Structure formats: structure tokens, C-alpha cells
N, C-alpha and C. Protein backbone atom coordinates (compact mmCIF):
# COMPACT_ATOMS: atom_id res chain seq x y z
N MET A 1 98.24 109.11 80.22
CA MET A 1 97.78 109.21 81.62
C MET A 1 98.88 109.53 82.55
N SER A 2 98.71 110.34 83.49
CA SER A 2 99.65 110.70 84.44
C SER A 2 99.16 110.49 85.82
N THR A 3 100.05 110.21 86.79
CA THR A 3 99.81 110.10 88.17
C THR A 3 100.29 111.04 88.98
N THR A 4 99.69 111.49 90.06
CA THR A 4 100.25 112.37 91.06
C THR A 4 100.08 111.89 92.48
N PRO A 5 100.99 111.57 93.23
CA PRO A 5 100.67 111.08 94.57
C PRO A 5 100.09 112.33 95.38
N LEU A 6 99.23 112.07 96.21
CA LEU A 6 98.49 113.01 97.23
C LEU A 6 98.80 112.53 98.58
N PRO A 7 99.97 112.93 99.22
CA PRO A 7 100.27 112.36 100.50
C PRO A 7 99.10 112.47 101.49
N GLY A 8 98.90 111.36 102.18
CA GLY A 8 97.81 111.37 103.16
C GLY A 8 96.37 111.23 102.49
N ILE A 9 96.21 111.14 101.24
CA ILE A 9 94.96 111.15 100.64
C ILE A 9 95.00 109.86 99.64
N GLY A 10 95.85 109.75 98.71
CA GLY A 10 95.90 108.60 97.70
C GLY A 10 96.68 109.17 96.60
N VAL A 11 96.13 108.72 95.46
CA VAL A 11 96.83 109.03 94.15
C VAL A 11 95.81 109.54 93.11
N GLN A 12 96.14 110.61 92.42
CA GLN A 12 95.26 111.23 91.36
C GLN A 12 95.75 110.70 90.03
N TYR A 13 94.95 110.20 89.26
CA TYR A 13 95.23 109.84 87.79
C TYR A 13 94.55 110.85 86.93
N ASP A 14 95.19 111.39 85.99
CA ASP A 14 94.75 112.29 85.12
C ASP A 14 94.75 111.82 83.71
N LEU A 15 93.74 111.93 82.85
CA LEU A 15 93.69 111.53 81.53
C LEU A 15 93.12 112.60 80.62
N THR A 16 93.54 112.81 79.47
CA THR A 16 93.07 113.61 78.43
C THR A 16 92.45 112.60 77.35
N THR A 17 91.22 112.75 77.02
CA THR A 17 90.72 111.75 76.11
C THR A 17 91.08 112.20 74.66
N ARG A 18 90.75 111.46 73.69
CA ARG A 18 91.07 111.77 72.26
C ARG A 18 90.16 112.98 71.90
N GLU A 19 89.14 113.28 72.52
CA GLU A 19 88.24 114.40 72.31
C GLU A 19 88.74 115.63 73.15
N HIS A 20 89.88 115.49 73.66
CA HIS A 20 90.60 116.53 74.42
C HIS A 20 89.81 116.97 75.62
N ARG A 21 89.08 116.04 76.31
CA ARG A 21 88.43 116.29 77.52
C ARG A 21 89.35 115.78 78.79
N HIS A 22 89.40 116.62 79.76
CA HIS A 22 90.23 116.22 80.93
C HIS A 22 89.42 115.54 82.06
N LEU A 23 89.80 114.37 82.33
CA LEU A 23 89.18 113.48 83.31
C LEU A 23 90.25 113.14 84.47
N SER A 24 89.93 113.10 85.72
CA SER A 24 90.67 112.62 86.68
C SER A 24 89.97 111.71 87.60
N VAL A 25 90.62 110.81 88.33
CA VAL A 25 90.19 109.84 89.29
C VAL A 25 91.20 110.05 90.46
N VAL A 26 90.72 110.31 91.60
CA VAL A 26 91.39 110.26 92.93
C VAL A 26 91.11 109.08 93.63
N ALA A 27 92.16 108.14 93.66
CA ALA A 27 92.07 106.91 94.42
C ALA A 27 92.40 107.19 95.83
N HIS A 28 91.41 107.19 96.79
CA HIS A 28 91.71 107.61 98.03
C HIS A 28 92.10 106.31 98.88
N ARG A 29 92.92 106.68 99.84
CA ARG A 29 93.42 105.49 100.73
C ARG A 29 92.47 104.60 101.40
N ASP A 30 91.27 105.16 101.60
CA ASP A 30 90.10 104.41 102.27
C ASP A 30 89.41 103.48 101.22
N GLY A 31 89.82 103.43 99.87
CA GLY A 31 89.21 102.58 98.99
C GLY A 31 88.20 103.24 98.13
N THR A 32 87.79 104.42 98.43
CA THR A 32 86.83 105.17 97.70
C THR A 32 87.52 105.94 96.49
N ARG A 33 86.68 106.26 95.53
CA ARG A 33 87.30 107.06 94.40
C ARG A 33 86.38 108.26 94.14
N THR A 34 87.07 109.32 93.70
CA THR A 34 86.31 110.51 93.14
C THR A 34 86.74 110.65 91.73
N VAL A 35 85.63 110.72 90.78
CA VAL A 35 85.74 110.90 89.47
C VAL A 35 85.43 112.28 89.09
N ASN A 36 86.33 112.99 88.50
CA ASN A 36 86.05 114.35 88.11
C ASN A 36 86.19 114.63 86.53
N LEU A 37 85.29 115.27 86.04
CA LEU A 37 85.24 115.73 84.71
C LEU A 37 85.37 117.28 84.50
N TYR A 38 86.17 117.62 83.83
CA TYR A 38 86.58 119.07 83.64
C TYR A 38 85.90 119.69 82.45
N ARG A 39 85.57 120.96 82.42
CA ARG A 39 84.90 121.69 81.55
C ARG A 39 85.81 121.66 80.20
N ALA A 40 84.91 121.58 79.08
CA ALA A 40 85.71 121.58 77.67
C ALA A 40 86.29 122.91 77.46
N ASP A 41 85.59 123.92 77.74
CA ASP A 41 86.06 125.33 77.49
C ASP A 41 87.08 125.70 78.47
N ASP A 42 87.26 125.11 79.71
CA ASP A 42 88.30 125.43 80.58
C ASP A 42 88.72 124.15 81.30
N PRO A 43 89.89 123.48 80.80
CA PRO A 43 90.23 122.20 81.35
C PRO A 43 90.68 122.24 82.82
N ASP A 44 90.82 123.50 83.47
CA ASP A 44 91.22 123.52 84.75
C ASP A 44 89.93 123.61 85.74
N ALA A 45 88.78 123.92 85.20
CA ALA A 45 87.56 123.95 85.87
C ALA A 45 86.76 122.69 85.90
N CYS A 46 86.44 122.17 87.13
CA CYS A 46 85.66 120.90 87.12
C CYS A 46 84.19 121.15 87.08
N ALA A 47 83.62 120.44 85.95
CA ALA A 47 82.38 120.52 85.68
C ALA A 47 81.50 119.55 86.49
N GLN A 48 81.96 118.43 86.81
CA GLN A 48 81.24 117.38 87.58
C GLN A 48 82.15 116.58 88.47
N SER A 49 81.71 116.25 89.63
CA SER A 49 82.56 115.47 90.55
C SER A 49 81.66 114.29 91.06
N LEU A 50 82.14 113.06 91.10
CA LEU A 50 81.34 112.03 91.54
C LEU A 50 82.15 111.14 92.63
N HIS A 51 81.63 110.97 93.88
CA HIS A 51 82.40 110.20 94.79
C HIS A 51 81.85 108.79 94.81
N LEU A 52 82.61 107.78 94.60
CA LEU A 52 82.20 106.47 94.77
C LEU A 52 82.66 105.64 95.84
N THR A 53 81.89 104.84 96.38
CA THR A 53 82.26 103.88 97.51
C THR A 53 83.17 102.71 96.84
N GLY A 54 83.81 101.93 97.73
CA GLY A 54 84.67 100.97 97.13
C GLY A 54 83.74 99.95 96.33
N ALA A 55 82.62 99.60 96.80
CA ALA A 55 81.70 98.65 96.12
C ALA A 55 81.24 99.24 94.77
N GLU A 56 80.96 100.60 94.79
CA GLU A 56 80.52 101.30 93.55
C GLU A 56 81.75 101.27 92.51
N THR A 57 82.86 101.45 92.98
CA THR A 57 84.09 101.51 92.17
C THR A 57 84.25 100.12 91.54
N ALA A 58 84.18 99.16 92.28
CA ALA A 58 84.25 97.67 91.81
C ALA A 58 83.16 97.42 90.70
N SER A 59 82.03 97.82 90.95
CA SER A 59 80.82 97.80 90.01
C SER A 59 81.20 98.53 88.68
N LEU A 60 81.73 99.66 88.76
CA LEU A 60 82.17 100.50 87.73
C LEU A 60 83.21 99.77 86.79
N ILE A 61 84.24 99.20 87.59
CA ILE A 61 85.32 98.38 86.89
C ILE A 61 84.65 97.23 86.20
N ASP A 62 83.73 96.64 86.69
CA ASP A 62 83.05 95.46 86.08
C ASP A 62 82.31 95.90 84.61
N ALA A 63 81.81 97.13 84.83
CA ALA A 63 81.07 97.65 83.63
C ALA A 63 82.15 98.09 82.51
N LEU A 64 83.27 98.61 82.98
CA LEU A 64 84.24 99.03 81.96
C LEU A 64 85.17 98.03 81.50
N MET A 65 85.37 96.93 82.30
CA MET A 65 86.29 95.97 81.98
C MET A 65 85.79 94.67 82.26
N PRO A 66 84.81 94.18 81.67
CA PRO A 66 84.19 92.88 82.02
C PRO A 66 85.14 91.60 81.79
N ALA A 67 86.07 91.87 81.01
CA ALA A 67 86.94 90.72 80.73
C ALA A 67 88.16 90.63 81.71
N HIS A 68 88.11 91.38 82.71
CA HIS A 68 89.14 91.37 83.76
C HIS A 68 89.00 90.21 84.83
N HIS A 69 87.86 89.54 84.67
CA HIS A 69 87.66 88.35 85.56
C HIS A 69 88.50 87.21 85.13
N SER A 70 89.30 86.63 85.98
CA SER A 70 90.17 85.54 85.72
C SER A 70 90.23 84.86 87.02
N PRO A 71 90.31 83.46 86.96
CA PRO A 71 90.52 82.74 88.21
C PRO A 71 91.93 82.98 88.87
N ASN A 72 92.90 83.52 88.07
CA ASN A 72 94.12 83.67 88.45
C ASN A 72 94.41 85.12 89.10
N VAL A 73 93.43 86.02 89.02
CA VAL A 73 93.53 87.37 89.50
C VAL A 73 92.91 87.41 90.96
N LEU A 74 93.62 88.04 91.74
CA LEU A 74 93.11 88.30 93.20
C LEU A 74 92.26 89.46 93.12
N HIS A 75 90.91 89.46 93.42
CA HIS A 75 90.06 90.62 93.55
C HIS A 75 89.95 90.97 95.00
N THR A 76 90.72 91.93 95.39
CA THR A 76 90.76 92.19 96.81
C THR A 76 89.51 92.70 97.55
N THR A 77 88.80 93.44 96.70
CA THR A 77 87.55 94.20 97.39
C THR A 77 86.76 93.16 98.29
N GLY A 78 86.34 92.07 97.63
CA GLY A 78 85.45 91.08 98.31
C GLY A 78 86.09 90.33 99.44
N LEU A 79 87.46 90.38 99.55
CA LEU A 79 88.17 89.66 100.52
C LEU A 79 88.47 90.43 101.67
N GLY A 80 88.31 91.78 101.70
CA GLY A 80 88.73 92.63 102.74
C GLY A 80 90.23 92.99 102.76
N LEU A 81 90.85 92.85 101.60
CA LEU A 81 92.19 93.22 101.38
C LEU A 81 92.32 94.37 100.63
N VAL A 82 93.47 95.04 100.58
CA VAL A 82 93.75 96.21 99.71
C VAL A 82 95.22 95.95 99.36
N ALA A 83 95.56 96.55 98.09
CA ALA A 83 96.91 96.70 97.66
C ALA A 83 97.08 98.08 97.45
N GLU A 84 98.31 98.47 97.79
CA GLU A 84 98.64 99.92 97.77
C GLU A 84 100.11 100.16 97.42
N ARG A 85 100.40 101.43 96.93
CA ARG A 85 101.94 101.79 96.82
C ARG A 85 102.10 102.75 97.86
N ILE A 86 103.16 102.63 98.48
CA ILE A 86 103.70 103.61 99.59
C ILE A 86 105.10 103.95 99.21
N GLU A 87 105.25 105.31 98.96
CA GLU A 87 106.52 105.81 98.59
C GLU A 87 107.36 106.13 99.75
N LEU A 88 108.68 105.86 99.70
CA LEU A 88 109.60 106.07 100.83
C LEU A 88 110.36 107.31 100.56
N SER A 89 110.23 108.40 101.40
CA SER A 89 110.89 109.61 101.15
C SER A 89 112.45 109.54 101.43
N ALA A 90 113.09 110.36 100.88
CA ALA A 90 114.53 110.45 101.02
C ALA A 90 114.87 110.85 102.55
N GLN A 91 113.94 111.46 103.24
CA GLN A 91 114.13 111.70 104.75
C GLN A 91 113.74 110.62 105.59
N SER A 92 113.10 109.66 105.05
CA SER A 92 112.62 108.53 105.82
C SER A 92 113.66 107.77 106.75
N TYR A 93 113.28 107.49 107.89
CA TYR A 93 114.06 106.75 108.94
C TYR A 93 114.52 105.46 108.25
N TRP A 94 113.81 104.90 107.31
CA TRP A 94 114.18 103.58 106.73
C TRP A 94 115.13 103.66 105.50
N ASN A 95 115.42 104.89 105.03
CA ASN A 95 116.25 105.04 103.94
C ASN A 95 117.67 104.49 104.32
N GLY A 96 118.14 103.58 103.47
CA GLY A 96 119.44 102.85 103.87
C GLY A 96 119.33 101.68 104.73
N ARG A 97 118.20 101.40 105.35
CA ARG A 97 118.15 100.42 106.34
C ARG A 97 117.47 99.07 105.52
N VAL A 98 117.68 97.91 105.99
CA VAL A 98 117.12 96.76 105.46
C VAL A 98 115.60 96.54 105.88
N LEU A 99 114.93 95.84 104.72
CA LEU A 99 113.54 95.79 104.95
C LEU A 99 113.13 94.98 106.18
N GLY A 100 113.91 93.93 106.59
CA GLY A 100 113.61 93.11 107.79
C GLY A 100 113.55 93.91 109.11
N GLU A 101 114.22 95.08 109.16
CA GLU A 101 114.23 95.97 110.28
C GLU A 101 112.86 96.60 110.58
N THR A 102 112.07 96.70 109.47
CA THR A 102 110.69 97.39 109.54
C THR A 102 109.71 96.47 110.41
N ARG A 103 109.96 95.14 110.39
CA ARG A 103 109.20 94.17 111.06
C ARG A 103 107.71 94.37 110.67
N MET A 104 107.58 94.67 109.34
CA MET A 104 106.34 94.97 108.80
C MET A 104 105.20 93.98 109.01
N ARG A 105 105.45 92.67 108.57
CA ARG A 105 104.40 91.65 108.63
C ARG A 105 104.03 91.55 110.19
N THR A 106 105.03 91.44 111.10
CA THR A 106 104.91 91.20 112.45
C THR A 106 103.91 92.28 113.05
N GLU A 107 104.44 93.73 112.80
CA GLU A 107 103.64 94.76 113.36
C GLU A 107 102.38 95.03 112.79
N THR A 108 102.14 94.79 111.41
CA THR A 108 100.87 95.29 110.73
C THR A 108 100.20 94.11 110.15
N GLY A 109 100.81 93.01 109.90
CA GLY A 109 100.03 91.96 109.10
C GLY A 109 100.17 92.14 107.63
N VAL A 110 100.81 93.22 107.25
CA VAL A 110 101.06 93.57 105.85
C VAL A 110 102.13 92.90 105.22
N SER A 111 102.00 92.40 103.95
CA SER A 111 103.17 91.97 103.18
C SER A 111 103.68 92.86 102.14
N ILE A 112 104.98 93.16 102.16
CA ILE A 112 105.56 93.97 101.00
C ILE A 112 105.85 93.01 99.97
N VAL A 113 105.07 93.05 98.89
CA VAL A 113 105.17 92.15 97.69
C VAL A 113 106.09 92.54 96.58
N ALA A 114 106.50 93.74 96.62
CA ALA A 114 107.42 94.34 95.55
C ALA A 114 108.00 95.57 95.95
N VAL A 115 109.14 96.01 95.46
CA VAL A 115 109.78 97.35 95.59
C VAL A 115 110.04 97.76 94.18
N LEU A 116 109.56 99.09 93.86
CA LEU A 116 109.76 99.73 92.58
C LEU A 116 110.84 100.76 92.81
N ARG A 117 111.95 100.57 92.16
CA ARG A 117 113.13 101.53 92.15
C ARG A 117 113.44 101.99 90.84
N ARG A 118 113.32 103.26 90.62
CA ARG A 118 113.46 103.85 89.19
C ARG A 118 112.63 103.10 88.20
N ALA A 119 113.25 102.66 87.21
CA ALA A 119 112.47 101.85 86.22
C ALA A 119 112.49 100.33 86.47
N GLU A 120 112.92 99.86 87.63
CA GLU A 120 113.13 98.50 87.92
C GLU A 120 112.26 97.97 89.07
N ALA A 121 111.71 96.86 89.00
CA ALA A 121 110.87 96.13 89.98
C ALA A 121 111.65 95.04 90.68
N ARG A 122 111.44 95.00 92.08
CA ARG A 122 112.09 93.83 92.72
C ARG A 122 110.93 93.11 93.39
N PRO A 123 110.39 92.02 92.76
CA PRO A 123 109.37 91.23 93.38
C PRO A 123 110.00 90.43 94.63
N SER A 124 108.99 90.19 95.60
CA SER A 124 109.29 89.54 96.77
C SER A 124 110.64 89.81 97.39
N PRO A 125 110.89 91.10 97.82
CA PRO A 125 112.14 91.42 98.39
C PRO A 125 112.27 90.68 99.70
N ALA A 126 113.62 90.10 99.88
CA ALA A 126 114.04 89.44 100.99
C ALA A 126 114.27 90.48 102.19
N PRO A 127 114.27 89.86 103.43
CA PRO A 127 114.55 90.75 104.64
C PRO A 127 115.86 91.62 104.65
N ASP A 128 116.82 91.17 103.84
CA ASP A 128 118.12 91.91 103.72
C ASP A 128 118.18 92.86 102.65
N PHE A 129 117.00 93.02 101.93
CA PHE A 129 116.98 94.06 100.84
C PHE A 129 117.10 95.49 101.49
N ARG A 130 117.95 96.23 100.98
CA ARG A 130 118.17 97.67 101.42
C ARG A 130 117.39 98.59 100.79
N LEU A 131 116.50 99.29 101.64
CA LEU A 131 115.58 100.30 101.25
C LEU A 131 116.37 101.64 100.90
N ALA A 132 115.66 102.45 99.92
CA ALA A 132 116.45 103.62 99.56
C ALA A 132 115.19 104.75 99.37
N GLY A 133 115.49 105.99 99.71
CA GLY A 133 114.66 107.06 99.35
C GLY A 133 114.24 107.04 97.93
N GLY A 134 112.88 107.15 97.78
CA GLY A 134 112.27 107.22 96.41
C GLY A 134 111.78 105.93 96.08
N ASP A 135 112.08 104.84 96.89
CA ASP A 135 111.55 103.53 96.60
C ASP A 135 110.06 103.56 96.74
N THR A 136 109.19 102.79 95.94
CA THR A 136 107.82 102.64 96.09
C THR A 136 107.61 101.18 96.55
N LEU A 137 107.01 100.98 97.50
CA LEU A 137 106.80 99.55 98.12
C LEU A 137 105.26 99.26 97.81
N ILE A 138 105.07 98.14 97.27
CA ILE A 138 103.77 97.51 97.03
C ILE A 138 103.39 96.62 98.13
N VAL A 139 102.38 96.99 98.88
CA VAL A 139 101.97 96.32 100.02
C VAL A 139 100.58 95.78 99.91
N ILE A 140 100.29 94.65 100.57
CA ILE A 140 98.94 94.14 100.51
C ILE A 140 98.57 93.73 101.92
N GLY A 141 97.31 93.99 102.49
CA GLY A 141 96.97 93.64 103.65
C GLY A 141 95.38 94.15 103.91
N THR A 142 94.93 94.24 105.21
CA THR A 142 93.82 94.81 105.55
C THR A 142 93.88 96.36 105.38
N ARG A 143 92.85 97.03 105.24
CA ARG A 143 92.84 98.55 105.33
C ARG A 143 93.61 99.02 106.47
N GLU A 144 93.39 98.43 107.68
CA GLU A 144 93.99 98.99 108.95
C GLU A 144 95.42 98.71 108.81
N GLY A 145 95.80 97.47 108.32
CA GLY A 145 97.20 97.16 108.30
C GLY A 145 97.94 97.96 107.35
N VAL A 146 97.46 98.31 106.02
CA VAL A 146 98.04 99.06 105.11
C VAL A 146 98.17 100.47 105.75
N ASP A 147 97.18 101.11 106.45
CA ASP A 147 97.29 102.33 107.04
C ASP A 147 98.43 102.40 108.00
N ALA A 148 98.47 101.41 108.82
CA ALA A 148 99.69 101.19 109.89
C ALA A 148 100.94 101.10 109.25
N ALA A 149 101.10 100.38 108.05
CA ALA A 149 102.36 100.36 107.34
C ALA A 149 102.69 101.76 106.84
N ALA A 150 101.76 102.50 106.25
CA ALA A 150 101.99 103.78 105.71
C ALA A 150 102.61 104.66 106.84
N SER A 151 102.01 104.56 108.08
CA SER A 151 102.53 105.41 109.24
C SER A 151 104.04 104.97 109.53
N ILE A 152 104.24 103.65 109.57
CA ILE A 152 105.55 103.25 109.84
C ILE A 152 106.58 103.69 108.90
N LEU A 153 106.23 103.46 107.63
CA LEU A 153 107.18 103.88 106.57
C LEU A 153 107.37 105.30 106.31
N GLY A 154 106.32 106.08 106.88
CA GLY A 154 106.47 107.57 106.80
C GLY A 154 107.24 108.11 107.84
N ARG A 155 107.75 107.31 108.74
CA ARG A 155 108.50 107.78 109.84
C ARG A 155 109.79 108.53 109.37
N GLU A 156 110.07 109.59 109.75
CA GLU A 156 111.37 110.34 109.53
C GLU A 156 112.26 110.44 110.65
């Protein structure tokens, strides 16, 4: 499986099955998903595309992975929360600044629960954690809060 960030849209996940079929899922920032199945004779040509609402996506996950239910797992869809990855560009205003300067929780209500840097994860970064271009911030909050966080973090 490979992932491709789609700035302003979300993330595209591409998979080639053992039967050599190309399938992609676009995880849109609004919580919807688009599932695309490509033609067997031309893996670059989309044969079918299906757009799913957030609730339909949750139902499909239940059908594909019924064992994912655990009392210890936070299922954000029913709670009005979303978790997302936001990448910090090298040109970002926040590159080299400390996390606390973003005032993220105060301004948006969003929590930054982890920072991914290269092959390393930093869970629960403190306010004095210095951000760097290329960091991926894992945020959780309301849809509106996450959108506001993406806007703030996208500042150049």
C-alpha cells in the first residue's frame, strides 16, 4: 500500500491486490471517502468510483473488520471527533518554532497528540517541542477545529 498526500483534499491510499487489481481510497478531509477500482486491462483507467459518507465508511469498516471493536479504542465517528495527519511544509511559518507558540488548543480546541518525524514518533509533545519542516502532526478534535488547525499550520 502506498499513500499520497492530496493538499486541501486529504490522502490517497493505493493498493494492488494479489490478483494485480489496482484499488484506491481517497480519504477526504470532510470525513467522506471515495473508493476507486481500476480496469484490469489498463490499471491507470478507473472502471468504478464510489463516494461514501462518513457513516457509510464506518459501516464498511464494520463489515471488513468486525474485530476492530474494543472498549479501549476511541471510535471518533459517533462522537463528532476526527483524527488527522497534518504535514508541516519546509516553508511553514512554524518551521523551527516551538509547539506552544501555535496556541493550537486555545485557538482551535484541537489537541496535537503526536508528531511523526522521519521514522520516529513523538507522542504527547510538550509545548517546548521544536517543530521542523516535514513533521507530520497527528491532531484530534472536531471537524471544524481540525480544519482550523490545518489552516494555522499551513501558514507560510
